[in-house]
Amino acid sequence: MPRKVRELIADLEAAGFVDRGGKGSHRNFTHPKRLRVTLSGKPGDDAKRYQERDVRRAIEQAKE
């Protein structure tokens, strides 16, 4: 079962990413290590596989 967009947002914020806002349903997250991730969709929507993958990779890179 796919995770919700709100869960991915919480994971990013816990890893130190900051929401810079966006246009429409898009949210741009940045990290002090110059990492960027863009998520689209409403918080209650199911996350797409590629979104889960992108978030997981960005969090791993932020830990390095």
PDB file of N, CA and C in Angstrom:
ATOM      1  N   MET A   1       0.846  -1.177   0.000  1.00  0.00           N
ATOM      2  CA  MET A   1       0.000   0.000   0.000  1.00  0.00           C
ATOM      3  C   MET A   1       0.889   1.237   0.000  1.00  0.00           C
ATOM      4  N   PRO A   2       0.639   2.182  -0.909  1.00  0.00           N
ATOM      5  CA  PRO A   2       1.498   3.365  -0.985  1.00  0.00           C
ATOM      6  C   PRO A   2       1.332   4.266   0.232  1.00  0.00           C
ATOM      7  N   ARG A   3       2.413   4.957   0.551  1.00  0.00           N
ATOM      8  CA  ARG A   3       2.373   5.915   1.652  1.00  0.00           C
ATOM      9  C   ARG A   3       1.691   7.184   1.169  1.00  0.00           C
ATOM     10  N   LYS A   4       1.320   8.021   2.097  1.00  0.00           N
ATOM     11  CA  LYS A   4       0.677   9.294   1.772  1.00  0.00           C
ATOM     12  C   LYS A   4       1.750  10.371   1.586  1.00  0.00           C
ATOM     13  N   VAL A   5       1.408  11.386   0.817  1.00  0.00           N
ATOM     14  CA  VAL A   5       2.329  12.491   0.584  1.00  0.00           C
ATOM     15  C   VAL A   5       2.691  13.151   1.914  1.00  0.00           C
ATOM     16  N   ARG A   6       1.734  13.237   2.829  1.00  0.00           N
ATOM     17  CA  ARG A   6       2.010  13.878   4.128  1.00  0.00           C
ATOM     18  C   ARG A   6       3.086  13.121   4.907  1.00  0.00           C
ATOM     19  N   GLU A   7       3.158  11.801   4.741  1.00  0.00           N
ATOM     20  CA  GLU A   7       4.186  11.010   5.417  1.00  0.00           C
ATOM     21  C   GLU A   7       5.567  11.305   4.829  1.00  0.00           C
ATOM     22  N   LEU A   8       5.638  11.471   3.511  1.00  0.00           N
ATOM     23  CA  LEU A   8       6.911  11.813   2.886  1.00  0.00           C
ATOM     24  C   LEU A   8       7.381  13.192   3.336  1.00  0.00           C
ATOM     25  N   ILE A   9       6.442  14.122   3.453  1.00  0.00           N
ATOM     26  CA  ILE A   9       6.776  15.470   3.921  1.00  0.00           C
ATOM     27  C   ILE A   9       7.335  15.408   5.337  1.00  0.00           C
ATOM     28  N   ALA A  10       6.704  14.623   6.196  1.00  0.00           N
ATOM     29  CA  ALA A  10       7.175  14.486   7.581  1.00  0.00           C
ATOM     30  C   ALA A  10       8.580  13.884   7.621  1.00  0.00           C
ATOM     31  N   ASP A  11       8.840  12.889   6.773  1.00  0.00           N
ATOM     32  CA  ASP A  11      10.168  12.279   6.723  1.00  0.00           C
ATOM     33  C   ASP A  11      11.224  13.295   6.292  1.00  0.00           C
ATOM     34  N   LEU A  12      10.896  14.095   5.280  1.00  0.00           N
ATOM     35  CA  LEU A  12      11.843  15.106   4.814  1.00  0.00           C
ATOM     36  C   LEU A  12      12.133  16.140   5.893  1.00  0.00           C
ATOM     37  N   GLU A  13      11.085  16.607   6.555  1.00  0.00           N
ATOM     38  CA  GLU A  13      11.281  17.618   7.595  1.00  0.00           C
ATOM     39  C   GLU A  13      12.079  17.063   8.764  1.00  0.00           C
ATOM     40  N   ALA A  14      11.877  15.804   9.104  1.00  0.00           N
ATOM     41  CA  ALA A  14      12.635  15.176  10.188  1.00  0.00           C
ATOM     42  C   ALA A  14      14.113  15.049   9.826  1.00  0.00           C
ATOM     43  N   ALA A  15      14.412  14.945   8.516  1.00  0.00           N
ATOM     44  CA  ALA A  15      15.793  14.808   8.057  1.00  0.00           C
ATOM     45  C   ALA A  15      16.468  16.164   7.855  1.00  0.00           C
ATOM     46  N   GLY A  16      15.764  17.259   8.137  1.00  0.00           N
ATOM     47  CA  GLY A  16      16.365  18.585   8.053  1.00  0.00           C
ATOM     48  C   GLY A  16      16.027  19.367   6.801  1.00  0.00           C
ATOM     49  N   PHE A  17      15.123  18.877   5.980  1.00  0.00           N
ATOM     50  CA  PHE A  17      14.709  19.595   4.782  1.00  0.00           C
ATOM     51  C   PHE A  17      13.703  20.686   5.161  1.00  0.00           C
ATOM     52  N   VAL A  18      13.716  21.772   4.404  1.00  0.00           N
ATOM     53  CA  VAL A  18      12.831  22.910   4.653  1.00  0.00           C
ATOM     54  C   VAL A  18      11.945  23.117   3.432  1.00  0.00           C
ATOM     55  N   ASP A  19      10.672  23.329   3.666  1.00  0.00           N
ATOM     56  CA  ASP A  19       9.718  23.569   2.581  1.00  0.00           C
ATOM     57  C   ASP A  19       9.840  25.013   2.116  1.00  0.00           C
ATOM     58  N   ARG A  20      10.227  25.208   0.865  1.00  0.00           N
ATOM     59  CA  ARG A  20      10.362  26.545   0.304  1.00  0.00           C
ATOM     60  C   ARG A  20       9.115  26.978  -0.423  1.00  0.00           C
ATOM     61  N   GLY A  21       8.073  26.179  -0.363  1.00  0.00           N
ATOM     62  CA  GLY A  21       6.847  26.532  -1.062  1.00  0.00           C
ATOM     63  C   GLY A  21       6.887  26.005  -2.483  1.00  0.00           C
ATOM     64  N   GLY A  22       5.921  26.413  -3.267  1.00  0.00           N
ATOM     65  CA  GLY A  22       5.864  25.962  -4.652  1.00  0.00           C
ATOM     66  C   GLY A  22       4.651  26.550  -5.330  1.00  0.00           C
ATOM     67  N   LYS A  23       4.403  26.079  -6.525  1.00  0.00           N
ATOM     68  CA  LYS A  23       3.302  26.599  -7.312  1.00  0.00           C
ATOM     69  C   LYS A  23       2.252  25.506  -7.450  1.00  0.00           C
ATOM     70  N   GLY A  24       1.028  25.814  -7.118  1.00  0.00           N
ATOM     71  CA  GLY A  24      -0.035  24.812  -7.200  1.00  0.00           C
ATOM     72  C   GLY A  24       0.131  23.754  -6.129  1.00  0.00           C
ATOM     73  N   SER A  25       0.105  22.494  -6.531  1.00  0.00           N
ATOM     74  CA  SER A  25       0.202  21.410  -5.562  1.00  0.00           C
ATOM     75  C   SER A  25       1.647  20.955  -5.359  1.00  0.00           C
ATOM     76  N   HIS A  26       2.615  21.695  -5.891  1.00  0.00           N
ATOM     77  CA  HIS A  26       4.012  21.311  -5.772  1.00  0.00           C
ATOM     78  C   HIS A  26       4.650  21.965  -4.549  1.00  0.00           C
ATOM     79  N   ARG A  27       5.551  21.214  -3.926  1.00  0.00           N
ATOM     80  CA  ARG A  27       6.318  21.714  -2.780  1.00  0.00           C
ATOM     81  C   ARG A  27       7.789  21.459  -3.051  1.00  0.00           C
ATOM     82  N   ASN A  28       8.622  22.471  -2.836  1.00  0.00           N
ATOM     83  CA  ASN A  28      10.065  22.345  -3.054  1.00  0.00           C
ATOM     84  C   ASN A  28      10.759  22.301  -1.707  1.00  0.00           C
ATOM     85  N   PHE A  29      11.499  21.240  -1.470  1.00  0.00           N
ATOM     86  CA  PHE A  29      12.228  21.081  -0.228  1.00  0.00           C
ATOM     87  C   PHE A  29      13.718  21.213  -0.496  1.00  0.00           C
ATOM     88  N   THR A  30      14.407  21.924   0.390  1.00  0.00           N
ATOM     89  CA  THR A  30      15.853  22.067   0.275  1.00  0.00           C
ATOM     90  C   THR A  30      16.494  21.649   1.591  1.00  0.00           C
ATOM     91  N   HIS A  31      17.763  21.264   1.477  1.00  0.00           N
ATOM     92  CA  HIS A  31      18.541  20.840   2.642  1.00  0.00           C
ATOM     93  C   HIS A  31      19.808  21.684   2.654  1.00  0.00           C
ATOM     94  N   PRO A  32      20.371  21.964   3.832  1.00  0.00           N
ATOM     95  CA  PRO A  32      21.598  22.769   3.896  1.00  0.00           C
ATOM     96  C   PRO A  32      22.759  22.192   3.078  1.00  0.00           C
ATOM     97  N   LYS A  33      22.744  20.898   2.780  1.00  0.00           N
ATOM     98  CA  LYS A  33      23.799  20.285   1.964  1.00  0.00           C
ATOM     99  C   LYS A  33      23.533  20.465   0.474  1.00  0.00           C
ATOM    100  N   ARG A  34      22.678  21.411   0.117  1.00  0.00           N
ATOM    101  CA  ARG A  34      22.328  21.738  -1.267  1.00  0.00           C
ATOM    102  C   ARG A  34      21.585  20.606  -1.981  1.00  0.00           C
ATOM    103  N   LEU A  35      20.778  19.884  -1.253  1.00  0.00           N
ATOM    104  CA  LEU A  35      19.929  18.852  -1.843  1.00  0.00           C
ATOM    105  C   LEU A  35      18.555  19.441  -2.086  1.00  0.00           C
ATOM    106  N   ARG A  36      17.906  18.998  -3.164  1.00  0.00           N
ATOM    107  CA  ARG A  36      16.569  19.493  -3.474  1.00  0.00           C
ATOM    108  C   ARG A  36      15.647  18.337  -3.836  1.00  0.00           C
ATOM    109  N   VAL A  37      14.395  18.435  -3.391  1.00  0.00           N
ATOM    110  CA  VAL A  37      13.371  17.445  -3.728  1.00  0.00           C
ATOM    111  C   VAL A  37      12.076  18.208  -3.979  1.00  0.00           C
ATOM    112  N   THR A  38      11.361  17.822  -5.027  1.00  0.00           N
ATOM    113  CA  THR A  38      10.060  18.404  -5.314  1.00  0.00           C
ATOM    114  C   THR A  38       9.002  17.324  -5.192  1.00  0.00           C
ATOM    115  N   LEU A  39       7.955  17.607  -4.416  1.00  0.00           N
ATOM    116  CA  LEU A  39       6.825  16.689  -4.263  1.00  0.00           C
ATOM    117  C   LEU A  39       5.580  17.363  -4.820  1.00  0.00           C
ATOM    118  N   SER A  40       4.761  16.581  -5.481  1.00  0.00           N
ATOM    119  CA  SER A  40       3.493  17.108  -5.977  1.00  0.00           C
ATOM    120  C   SER A  40       2.357  16.292  -5.379  1.00  0.00           C
ATOM    121  N   GLY A  41       1.200  16.896  -5.312  1.00  0.00           N
ATOM    122  CA  GLY A  41       0.026  16.219  -4.786  1.00  0.00           C
ATOM    123  C   GLY A  41      -0.436  16.812  -3.474  1.00  0.00           C
ATOM    124  N   LYS A  42      -1.684  16.558  -3.167  1.00  0.00           N
ATOM    125  CA  LYS A  42      -2.243  17.005  -1.894  1.00  0.00           C
ATOM    126  C   LYS A  42      -1.727  16.100  -0.782  1.00  0.00           C
ATOM    127  N   PRO A  43      -1.683  16.589   0.458  1.00  0.00           N
ATOM    128  CA  PRO A  43      -1.158  15.764   1.556  1.00  0.00           C
ATOM    129  C   PRO A  43      -1.867  14.422   1.725  1.00  0.00           C
ATOM    130  N   GLY A  44      -3.128  14.328   1.398  1.00  0.00           N
ATOM    131  CA  GLY A  44      -3.861  13.083   1.573  1.00  0.00           C
ATOM    132  C   GLY A  44      -3.768  12.124   0.403  1.00  0.00           C
ATOM    133  N   ASP A  45      -3.110  12.547  -0.677  1.00  0.00           N
ATOM    134  CA  ASP A  45      -2.982  11.685  -1.853  1.00  0.00           C
ATOM    135  C   ASP A  45      -1.967  10.570  -1.604  1.00  0.00           C
ATOM    136  N   ASP A  46      -2.147   9.461  -2.327  1.00  0.00           N
ATOM    137  CA  ASP A  46      -1.155   8.397  -2.289  1.00  0.00           C
ATOM    138  C   ASP A  46       0.088   8.871  -3.033  1.00  0.00           C
ATOM    139  N   ALA A  47       1.246   8.568  -2.457  1.00  0.00           N
ATOM    140  CA  ALA A  47       2.501   8.946  -3.096  1.00  0.00           C
ATOM    141  C   ALA A  47       2.810   7.979  -4.235  1.00  0.00           C
ATOM    142  N   LYS A  48       3.399   8.501  -5.272  1.00  0.00           N
ATOM    143  CA  LYS A  48       3.827   7.672  -6.393  1.00  0.00           C
ATOM    144  C   LYS A  48       5.129   6.960  -6.021  1.00  0.00           C
ATOM    145  N   ARG A  49       5.413   5.874  -6.718  1.00  0.00           N
ATOM    146  CA  ARG A  49       6.640   5.120  -6.429  1.00  0.00           C
ATOM    147  C   ARG A  49       7.884   5.978  -6.588  1.00  0.00           C
ATOM    148  N   TYR A  50       7.916   6.786  -7.647  1.00  0.00           N
ATOM    149  CA  TYR A  50       9.097   7.613  -7.886  1.00  0.00           C
ATOM    150  C   TYR A  50       9.270   8.668  -6.798  1.00  0.00           C
ATOM    151  N   GLN A  51       8.166   9.134  -6.219  1.00  0.00           N
ATOM    152  CA  GLN A  51       8.267  10.106  -5.131  1.00  0.00           C
ATOM    153  C   GLN A  51       8.875   9.454  -3.895  1.00  0.00           C
ATOM    154  N   GLU A  52       8.416   8.260  -3.572  1.00  0.00           N
ATOM    155  CA  GLU A  52       8.979   7.540  -2.428  1.00  0.00           C
ATOM    156  C   GLU A  52      10.464   7.286  -2.642  1.00  0.00           C
ATOM    157  N   ARG A  53      10.834   6.887  -3.860  1.00  0.00           N
ATOM    158  CA  ARG A  53      12.238   6.621  -4.179  1.00  0.00           C
ATOM    159  C   ARG A  53      13.077   7.894  -4.056  1.00  0.00           C
ATOM    160  N   ASP A  54      12.585   9.015  -4.597  1.00  0.00           N
ATOM    161  CA  ASP A  54      13.329  10.270  -4.545  1.00  0.00           C
ATOM    162  C   ASP A  54      13.534  10.744  -3.109  1.00  0.00           C
ATOM    163  N   VAL A  55      12.500  10.612  -2.292  1.00  0.00           N
ATOM    164  CA  VAL A  55      12.600  11.030  -0.887  1.00  0.00           C
ATOM    165  C   VAL A  55      13.601  10.150  -0.154  1.00  0.00           C
ATOM    166  N   ARG A  56      13.525   8.839  -0.367  1.00  0.00           N
ATOM    167  CA  ARG A  56      14.440   7.908   0.302  1.00  0.00           C
ATOM    168  C   ARG A  56      15.893   8.218  -0.075  1.00  0.00           C
ATOM    169  N   ARG A  57      16.138   8.462  -1.364  1.00  0.00           N
ATOM    170  CA  ARG A  57      17.509   8.775  -1.818  1.00  0.00           C
ATOM    171  C   ARG A  57      18.008  10.093  -1.237  1.00  0.00           C
ATOM    172  N   ALA A  58      17.149  11.095  -1.202  1.00  0.00           N
ATOM    173  CA  ALA A  58      17.555  12.405  -0.673  1.00  0.00           C
ATOM    174  C   ALA A  58      17.886  12.315   0.812  1.00  0.00           C
ATOM    175  N   ILE A  59      17.106  11.555   1.563  1.00  0.00           N
ATOM    176  CA  ILE A  59      17.376  11.413   2.997  1.00  0.00           C
ATOM    177  C   ILE A  59      18.686  10.673   3.213  1.00  0.00           C
ATOM    178  N   GLU A  60      18.956   9.649   2.402  1.00  0.00           N
ATOM    179  CA  GLU A  60      20.226   8.914   2.517  1.00  0.00           C
ATOM    180  C   GLU A  60      21.406   9.837   2.216  1.00  0.00           C
ATOM    181  N   GLN A  61      21.287  10.675   1.198  1.00  0.00           N
ATOM    182  CA  GLN A  61      22.355  11.603   0.863  1.00  0.00           C
ATOM    183  C   GLN A  61      22.551  12.654   1.955  1.00  0.00           C
ATOM    184  N   ALA A  62      21.491  13.042   2.604  1.00  0.00           N
ATOM    185  CA  ALA A  62      21.591  14.052   3.668  1.00  0.00           C
ATOM    186  C   ALA A  62      22.325  13.489   4.882  1.00  0.00           C
ATOM    187  N   LYS A  63      22.256  12.177   5.084  1.00  0.00           N
ATOM    188  CA  LYS A  63      22.922  11.551   6.228  1.00  0.00           C
ATOM    189  C   LYS A  63      24.430  11.431   6.024  1.00  0.00           C
ATOM    190  N   GLU A  64      24.885  11.434   4.759  1.00  0.00           N
ATOM    191  CA  GLU A  64      26.313  11.268   4.473  1.00  0.00           C
ATOM    192  C   GLU A  64      27.137  12.434   4.921  1.00  0.00           C
TER     193      GLU A  64
END
